[in-house]
Protein backbone atom coordinates (compact mmCIF):
# COMPACT_ATOMS: atom_id res chain seq x y z
CA MET A 1 -9.35 -16.00 16.02
CA ASN A 2 -12.55 -16.64 14.01
CA ASP A 3 -11.49 -17.82 10.60
CA ASP A 4 -14.95 -17.43 9.21
CA LEU A 5 -14.64 -13.85 8.76
CA ASN A 6 -17.53 -12.57 6.40
CA GLU A 7 -18.20 -9.26 4.58
CA SER A 8 -20.45 -7.85 7.05
CA ASP A 9 -18.10 -8.41 9.90
CA LEU A 10 -15.59 -6.59 7.71
CA GLU A 11 -17.91 -3.72 7.21
CA ARG A 12 -18.64 -3.58 10.84
CA ARG A 13 -14.83 -3.47 11.92
CA THR A 14 -14.24 -0.76 9.34
CA ALA A 15 -16.76 1.43 11.08
CA GLU A 16 -15.29 0.69 14.34
CA ARG A 17 -11.94 2.11 13.28
CA GLU A 18 -13.82 5.51 13.26
CA THR A 19 -13.46 5.54 17.01
CA LYS A 20 -9.94 4.20 17.41
CA GLY A 21 -6.38 5.57 16.70
CA LYS A 22 -4.90 9.24 16.82
CA ARG A 23 -4.66 11.31 13.70
CA ASN A 24 -2.95 14.63 12.85
CA THR A 25 -6.21 16.45 11.91
CA THR A 26 -3.99 19.36 10.42
CA THR A 27 -2.16 17.44 7.78
CA GLY A 28 -4.14 14.18 7.54
CA ARG A 29 -1.08 12.19 8.41
CA HIS A 30 -0.06 10.28 11.35
CA GLU A 31 2.36 11.66 13.70
CA ALA A 32 5.43 9.68 13.12
CA THR A 33 7.84 12.02 14.86
CA GLY A 34 6.98 10.84 18.23
CA VAL A 35 6.90 7.05 17.78
CA GLY A 36 10.12 6.55 19.81
CA THR A 37 12.69 4.02 18.81
CA ARG A 38 12.87 3.15 15.17
CA LEU A 39 11.94 -0.43 14.43
CA THR A 40 13.18 -2.67 11.42
CA VAL A 41 11.06 -4.01 8.56
CA LEU A 42 11.90 -6.51 5.63
CA GLU A 43 9.47 -5.72 2.63
CA VAL A 44 8.88 -8.06 -0.17
CA CYS A 45 6.97 -7.21 -3.48
CA ALA A 46 8.01 -3.69 -2.87
CA GLY A 47 6.93 -2.25 -6.17
CA GLY A 48 7.51 1.40 -6.61
CA GLY A 49 7.76 2.37 -2.92
CA GLY A 50 4.22 3.30 -1.73
CA GLN A 51 4.35 0.97 1.26
CA ALA A 52 8.03 1.57 1.70
CA ILE A 53 7.35 5.39 2.11
CA GLY A 54 4.62 4.85 4.63
CA LEU A 55 6.36 2.42 6.55
CA HIS A 56 9.45 4.68 6.89
CA ARG A 57 7.30 7.51 8.01
CA ALA A 58 5.65 5.26 10.44
CA GLY A 59 9.02 4.65 12.23
CA PHE A 60 10.35 1.41 10.30
CA ASP A 61 14.01 1.14 8.78
CA HIS A 62 14.15 -1.26 6.07
CA GLN A 63 16.82 -3.88 6.43
CA ALA A 64 15.75 -5.37 2.88
CA LEU A 65 13.33 -4.60 0.03
CA VAL A 66 12.50 -7.19 -2.46
CA GLU A 67 11.05 -6.62 -5.81
CA ILE A 68 11.35 -8.61 -9.17
CA ASP A 69 10.51 -5.49 -11.65
CA ARG A 70 13.81 -3.92 -12.60
CA ASN A 71 12.20 -0.55 -13.10
CA ALA A 72 10.81 -0.56 -9.79
CA VAL A 73 14.02 -1.82 -8.23
CA GLU A 74 15.89 1.20 -9.61
CA THR A 75 13.11 3.55 -8.53
CA LEU A 76 13.67 2.16 -4.75
CA ARG A 77 17.19 2.32 -5.20
CA LEU A 78 17.29 5.84 -6.50
CA ASN A 79 15.00 7.29 -3.94
CA GLY A 80 16.42 5.22 -1.00
CA GLU A 81 20.02 6.57 -1.60
CA ARG A 82 18.78 10.22 -2.45
CA LEU A 83 16.83 10.35 0.86
CA GLY A 84 19.18 8.42 3.00
CA TRP A 85 16.51 6.05 3.90
CA TRP A 86 18.21 2.82 2.74
CA SER A 87 21.19 1.77 0.63
CA ALA A 88 21.09 0.49 -2.89
CA GLN A 89 22.62 -2.83 -1.66
CA ASN A 90 19.51 -3.35 0.56
CA VAL A 91 17.15 -3.47 -2.58
CA HIS A 92 17.15 -6.98 -4.09
CA CYS A 93 15.97 -7.58 -7.66
CA ALA A 94 14.53 -11.07 -7.05
CA SER A 95 11.34 -13.15 -7.03
CA LEU A 96 9.94 -13.93 -3.77
CA ILE A 97 9.95 -17.37 -4.55
CA GLY A 98 13.29 -18.80 -3.51
CA TRP A 99 14.71 -15.57 -2.11
CA HIS A 100 16.13 -16.00 1.38
CA PRO A 101 17.37 -13.08 3.71
CA PRO A 102 20.94 -13.56 5.27
CA PRO A 103 20.93 -15.96 8.23
CA ALA A 104 21.43 -13.43 10.79
CA THR A 105 18.35 -11.39 9.94
CA ARG A 106 16.09 -10.05 12.84
CA VAL A 107 13.32 -7.83 12.13
CA ASP A 108 10.18 -6.60 13.88
CA LEU A 109 8.03 -6.56 10.74
CA ILE A 110 7.63 -8.40 7.43
CA ALA A 111 5.31 -6.53 5.11
CA GLY A 112 4.40 -6.75 1.49
CA GLY A 113 1.83 -6.31 -1.30
CA VAL A 114 1.74 -9.61 -2.90
CA PRO A 115 0.29 -9.57 -6.51
CA CYS A 116 -3.22 -8.78 -6.73
CA PRO A 117 -4.29 -10.23 -10.10
CA PRO A 118 -5.10 -13.68 -8.47
CA PHE A 119 -8.00 -11.94 -6.57
CA SER A 120 -8.98 -8.77 -8.60
CA ILE A 121 -12.49 -8.61 -9.83
CA ALA A 122 -10.99 -7.20 -12.86
CA GLY A 123 -9.35 -10.61 -13.78
CA ALA A 124 -10.30 -14.24 -13.68
CA GLN A 125 -9.93 -14.56 -9.92
CA LEU A 126 -8.18 -17.86 -10.02
CA GLY A 127 -6.66 -17.43 -6.45
CA SER A 128 -4.29 -20.23 -5.33
CA SER A 129 -4.66 -21.63 -9.00
CA ASP A 130 -2.84 -18.47 -10.20
CA ASP A 131 0.83 -18.84 -10.94
CA ARG A 132 1.05 -15.18 -9.43
CA ASP A 133 -0.16 -16.26 -6.15
CA LEU A 134 2.67 -15.41 -3.67
CA PHE A 135 0.84 -15.84 -0.48
CA PRO A 136 2.45 -19.36 0.23
CA ALA A 137 6.00 -17.83 -0.46
CA PHE A 138 5.37 -15.02 1.78
CA LEU A 139 4.13 -17.24 4.73
CA ASP A 140 7.19 -19.31 4.19
CA LEU A 141 9.31 -16.09 4.60
CA VAL A 142 7.44 -15.55 7.99
CA ASP A 143 8.11 -18.95 9.02
CA GLU A 144 11.92 -18.52 8.16
CA VAL A 145 12.49 -15.21 9.96
CA ARG A 146 9.77 -15.28 12.71
CA PRO A 147 9.33 -11.42 12.85
CA THR A 148 7.25 -9.65 15.72
CA ALA A 149 4.51 -8.78 13.24
CA VAL A 150 3.33 -9.07 9.65
CA MET A 151 1.40 -6.96 7.29
CA ILE A 152 -0.09 -7.91 3.84
CA GLU A 153 -1.97 -5.87 1.35
CA ASN A 154 -4.20 -6.64 -1.54
CA VAL A 155 -7.29 -5.90 -3.51
CA ARG A 156 -10.95 -5.99 -1.88
CA GLY A 157 -11.78 -8.78 -4.06
CA LEU A 158 -9.68 -11.03 -1.65
CA LEU A 159 -12.33 -10.43 0.98
CA THR A 160 -15.35 -11.59 -0.93
CA LYS A 161 -17.02 -14.88 -0.10
CA LYS A 162 -15.30 -16.61 -2.97
CA PHE A 163 -12.04 -16.53 -0.98
CA ASP A 164 -13.42 -17.13 2.49
CA THR A 165 -11.71 -20.49 2.64
CA TYR A 166 -8.46 -19.18 1.22
CA ARG A 167 -8.45 -16.38 3.88
CA ALA A 168 -8.96 -18.89 6.63
CA GLU A 169 -6.23 -21.03 5.37
CA ILE A 170 -3.95 -17.96 5.57
CA LEU A 171 -5.07 -17.29 9.09
CA CYS A 172 -4.61 -20.94 10.18
CA ARG A 173 -1.05 -21.00 8.82
CA LEU A 174 -0.18 -17.90 10.77
CA GLU A 175 -1.86 -19.31 13.88
CA SER A 176 0.50 -22.38 13.53
CA LEU A 177 3.56 -20.02 13.60
CA GLY A 178 2.26 -18.49 16.66
CA TYR A 179 0.63 -15.37 15.36
CA CYS A 180 -2.87 -13.83 15.84
CA ALA A 181 -3.98 -12.15 12.84
CA GLU A 182 -7.06 -10.34 11.25
CA TRP A 183 -8.30 -9.01 7.97
CA ALA A 184 -9.77 -5.60 7.46
CA LEU A 185 -11.09 -3.37 4.72
CA ILE A 186 -9.39 -0.14 4.68
CA GLU A 187 -10.75 2.88 2.37
CA ALA A 188 -7.81 5.01 1.00
CA HIS A 189 -10.00 8.16 0.83
CA GLU A 190 -10.27 7.92 4.63
CA PHE A 191 -6.73 8.79 4.92
CA CYS A 192 -6.73 11.84 2.69
CA VAL A 193 -6.04 10.04 -0.71
CA PRO A 194 -8.22 11.56 -3.35
CA GLN A 195 -9.19 8.04 -4.75
CA LEU A 196 -11.82 5.37 -4.29
CA ARG A 197 -9.31 2.60 -3.42
CA PRO A 198 -10.57 -0.05 -0.92
CA ARG A 199 -7.84 -2.38 0.07
CA SER A 200 -7.81 -5.76 2.03
CA VAL A 201 -5.10 -5.67 4.91
CA LEU A 202 -3.95 -8.37 7.10
CA VAL A 203 -2.10 -7.50 10.18
CA GLY A 204 -0.64 -10.42 12.60
CA ALA A 205 1.50 -10.30 15.63
CA LYS A 206 2.73 -12.43 18.48
CA PRO A 207 -0.09 -12.64 20.91
CA SER A 208 1.41 -10.33 23.50
CA ILE A 209 1.72 -7.64 20.74
CA TRP A 210 -1.57 -8.47 19.27
CA THR A 211 -3.58 -7.49 22.37
CA LEU A 212 -2.09 -3.87 21.98
CA PHE A 213 -2.85 -3.55 18.26
CA GLU A 214 -5.72 -1.18 17.14
CA TRP A 215 -6.73 -0.62 13.33
CA PRO A 216 -6.05 3.13 12.60
CA ALA A 217 -9.13 5.45 12.70
CA ALA A 218 -10.24 7.38 9.58
CA SER A 219 -8.85 10.78 9.43
CA SER A 220 -10.93 13.62 10.22
CA ALA A 221 -8.75 15.89 8.12
CA HIS A 222 -10.07 17.08 4.84
CA THR A 223 -9.60 14.70 1.71
CA PRO A 224 -8.82 16.81 -1.34
CA SER A 225 -11.01 16.41 -4.59
CA VAL A 226 -9.24 15.62 -7.67
CA GLY A 227 -9.44 19.24 -8.88
CA GLU A 228 -8.07 20.52 -5.51
CA ALA A 229 -5.17 17.93 -5.62
CA LEU A 230 -4.15 18.69 -9.37
CA HIS A 231 -5.18 22.18 -9.96
CA ASP A 232 -1.73 23.60 -9.58
CA MET A 233 -0.20 20.74 -11.82
CA MET A 234 -2.84 21.43 -14.45
CA ALA A 235 -2.21 25.17 -14.37
CA SER A 236 1.60 24.81 -14.53
CA ARG A 237 1.90 25.68 -18.26
CA GLY A 238 -0.67 28.59 -17.89
CA TRP A 239 -3.84 26.68 -19.06
CA SER A 240 -6.64 29.11 -18.85
CA GLY A 241 -9.20 26.56 -18.06
CA ALA A 242 -7.54 25.15 -15.08
CA ALA A 243 -9.57 26.81 -12.57
CA ALA A 244 -12.94 26.18 -14.30
CA TRP A 245 -11.83 22.36 -14.34
CA ARG A 246 -10.92 22.27 -10.77
CA ASP A 247 -14.44 23.57 -9.97
CA ARG A 248 -15.91 20.77 -11.86
CA ALA A 249 -13.74 17.77 -10.66
CA THR A 250 -14.85 17.96 -7.14
CA GLY A 251 -15.17 14.25 -6.43
CA ILE A 252 -12.38 11.76 -5.84
CA ALA A 253 -10.87 9.49 -8.54
CA PRO A 254 -11.80 5.93 -9.43
CA THR A 255 -9.42 3.46 -8.46
CA LEU A 256 -6.17 3.64 -10.56
CA VAL A 257 -5.33 0.51 -12.34
CA GLY A 258 -1.77 -0.28 -12.98
CA GLY A 259 -2.22 -3.48 -14.84
CA SER A 260 0.42 -6.04 -15.14
CA HIS A 261 3.23 -7.35 -17.54
CA LYS A 262 0.37 -9.39 -19.19
CA HIS A 263 -2.26 -6.74 -19.50
CA GLY A 264 -2.74 -2.85 -19.17
CA GLY A 265 -0.91 0.15 -20.33
CA ALA A 266 -0.41 3.88 -19.66
CA ASP A 267 -4.13 4.72 -19.39
CA LEU A 268 -6.65 4.90 -16.65
CA GLY A 269 -8.22 1.58 -16.71
CA PRO A 270 -11.11 -0.32 -18.25
CA SER A 271 -14.00 1.46 -20.30
CA ARG A 272 -16.14 1.90 -17.18
CA ALA A 273 -13.34 3.70 -15.24
CA LYS A 274 -12.50 5.78 -18.30
CA GLN A 275 -16.21 6.89 -18.44
CA ALA A 276 -16.41 7.81 -14.83
CA TRP A 277 -13.16 9.89 -15.14
CA LEU A 278 -14.73 11.79 -18.05
CA GLU A 279 -18.13 12.11 -16.86
CA LYS A 280 -17.43 13.07 -13.25
CA LEU A 281 -14.12 14.58 -13.39
CA GLY A 282 -13.61 15.99 -16.82
CA VAL A 283 -10.52 13.90 -17.39
CA ASN A 284 -9.73 12.08 -20.57
CA GLY A 285 -8.48 8.62 -19.56
CA ILE A 286 -7.77 7.19 -22.90
CA SER A 287 -3.99 7.60 -22.13
CA LEU A 288 -1.57 9.70 -20.12
CA ALA A 289 -0.08 13.06 -21.26
CA ASP A 290 3.54 13.96 -21.29
CA ASP A 291 2.87 17.31 -19.82
CA ALA A 292 0.19 19.56 -18.43
CA PRO A 293 -2.31 21.20 -20.87
CA PRO A 294 -0.98 24.38 -22.70
CA LYS A 295 -2.40 27.83 -22.36
CA ASP A 296 -5.09 27.58 -25.07
CA PHE A 297 -6.06 24.03 -24.40
CA ILE A 298 -9.65 23.16 -25.10
CA GLY A 299 -11.37 19.87 -24.02
CA ALA A 300 -10.88 17.29 -21.35
CA PRO A 301 -7.24 17.14 -19.97
CA ARG A 302 -5.41 14.02 -19.67
CA LEU A 303 -3.31 13.13 -16.58
CA THR A 304 0.56 13.03 -16.55
CA VAL A 305 2.48 10.22 -14.72
CA GLU A 306 3.07 12.80 -11.92
CA MET A 307 -0.31 13.57 -11.54
CA ALA A 308 -1.48 10.11 -11.04
CA ALA A 309 1.21 9.73 -8.37
CA VAL A 310 -0.47 12.64 -6.63
CA ILE A 311 -3.76 10.79 -6.77
CA GLN A 312 -2.15 7.68 -5.35
CA GLY A 313 -0.74 9.75 -2.35
CA PHE A 314 2.91 9.71 -3.30
CA PRO A 315 5.00 12.76 -2.24
CA ALA A 316 5.97 15.25 -4.89
CA ASP A 317 9.66 14.57 -4.84
CA TRP A 318 9.21 10.76 -5.17
CA GLU A 319 10.92 9.78 -8.63
CA PHE A 320 9.96 6.85 -10.83
CA VAL A 321 12.43 5.02 -13.25
CA GLY A 322 11.35 3.55 -16.52
CA GLY A 323 9.17 4.69 -19.51
CA LYS A 324 5.69 6.17 -19.35
CA THR A 325 4.04 2.54 -18.89
CA ALA A 326 6.69 1.21 -16.54
CA ARG A 327 6.14 4.31 -14.19
CA TYR A 328 2.60 4.44 -14.25
CA ARG A 329 2.47 0.66 -13.48
CA GLN A 330 4.64 1.34 -10.33
CA ILE A 331 2.08 4.06 -9.37
CA GLY A 332 -1.10 2.25 -10.46
CA ASN A 333 -0.16 -0.92 -8.37
CA ALA A 334 1.21 0.85 -5.21
CA PHE A 335 -0.32 0.79 -1.73
CA PRO A 336 -1.11 4.56 -1.06
CA PRO A 337 1.77 5.72 1.38
CA PRO A 338 -0.79 7.55 3.66
CA VAL A 339 -2.63 4.21 4.29
CA ALA A 340 0.52 2.21 4.73
CA GLU A 341 1.73 4.81 7.19
CA ALA A 342 -1.56 4.83 9.05
CA VAL A 343 -1.40 0.95 9.47
CA GLY A 344 2.37 1.00 10.24
CA VAL A 345 1.99 3.67 12.96
CA GLN A 346 -0.55 1.28 14.70
CA ILE A 347 1.84 -1.57 14.42
CA HIS A 348 4.75 0.33 15.79
CA ARG A 349 2.82 1.61 18.70
CA ALA A 350 1.67 -1.72 19.69
CA ILE A 351 5.32 -3.31 19.44
CA GLN A 352 6.57 -0.26 21.36
CA ALA A 353 3.97 -0.47 24.07
CA TRP A 354 5.27 -4.01 25.07
CA PRO A 355 7.23 -3.57 28.42
CA LYS A 356 10.84 -3.13 27.71
CA GLU A 357 11.78 -5.20 30.86
CA ALA A 358 10.26 -8.19 29.05
CA ASN A 359 13.38 -8.19 26.94
CA TYR A 360 11.82 -10.56 24.41
CA PRO A 361 14.03 -11.99 21.57
CA LEU A 362 13.24 -12.13 17.84
CA GLN A 363 13.38 -15.78 17.32
CA ARG A 364 13.88 -17.53 13.90
CA LYS A 365 12.45 -20.78 12.82
CA GLU A 366 15.14 -23.07 14.33
CA ARG A 367 14.37 -21.65 17.88
CA ASN A 368 11.43 -21.35 20.05
CA ASN A 369 9.21 -18.73 18.60
CA GLU A 370 7.21 -17.64 21.47
CA ARG A 371 8.21 -14.26 23.32
């Protein structure tokens, strides 16, 4: 692997994804029904479930989900039990630092969206000096469990030149554990998410699996505009201006910003983002509404928490626990489910493509970690 991956390399590899992968061009979703045997995943920093939804659709069953925010934990427990995807006991309310899975844990994939503030251009970009940097703890977990593959999601800021050395250190650590890995820049709107949301994604795997992995291709399906995605919700209380608003809101949304416990609330981000929402999409981003506009409403409507979830690519039946700010943070900080699914499908395909007769074991730290 070349550790000196620069921004031009990332942009080139993003363009190459246009010619790879297989997408369902009718729905914009990867076909997860034909993935074969379901594989296993241990997910950390799971948040409100965006990545978990995508990985489940991609053919992975969660052996454990780890999250420190209590509202997000209850969101995961509620939906997992309701949908029959995982039990409440499999959702652990804990910090990644110091958490260890049971000794017998064997999984195909470890995945996580470690905290973004250390690398976000909206913050101080302290990187490894930020006490919220959990990359070391994530890599320690990989060392302990030795999964077949790993996936890490973060903000685009991590791919800037400022963090070249830090990214190289992560790749070097994974290489020392027996993994090949690569960073990529993935745009959420290429996977039918109506939002400008570039994400840095790292995928790594044992060498025999890595040779079979391909980054997902951008979808050829239509990405809805904000107006198309939200019209029915805006019109749900009979707002007479809903159709006119839809016809104006023809673009995709700026990046949703969930904030953190230190900063941010239930609004649509910093001043520049709010201005873009208003000028380009006719949405008042000063705060979130409790309900859709009434029949005689005049002016720029506000989004509800449920509308923000649609913009992030969540399914309509996914329920969030907590007050308005807590629910919005879970949404705004999420890895969009369709993007997580797209990458997850490709990881699943690579693992499944490895010859069954090889009968490789999933080895933990205390054993030989080569397949």
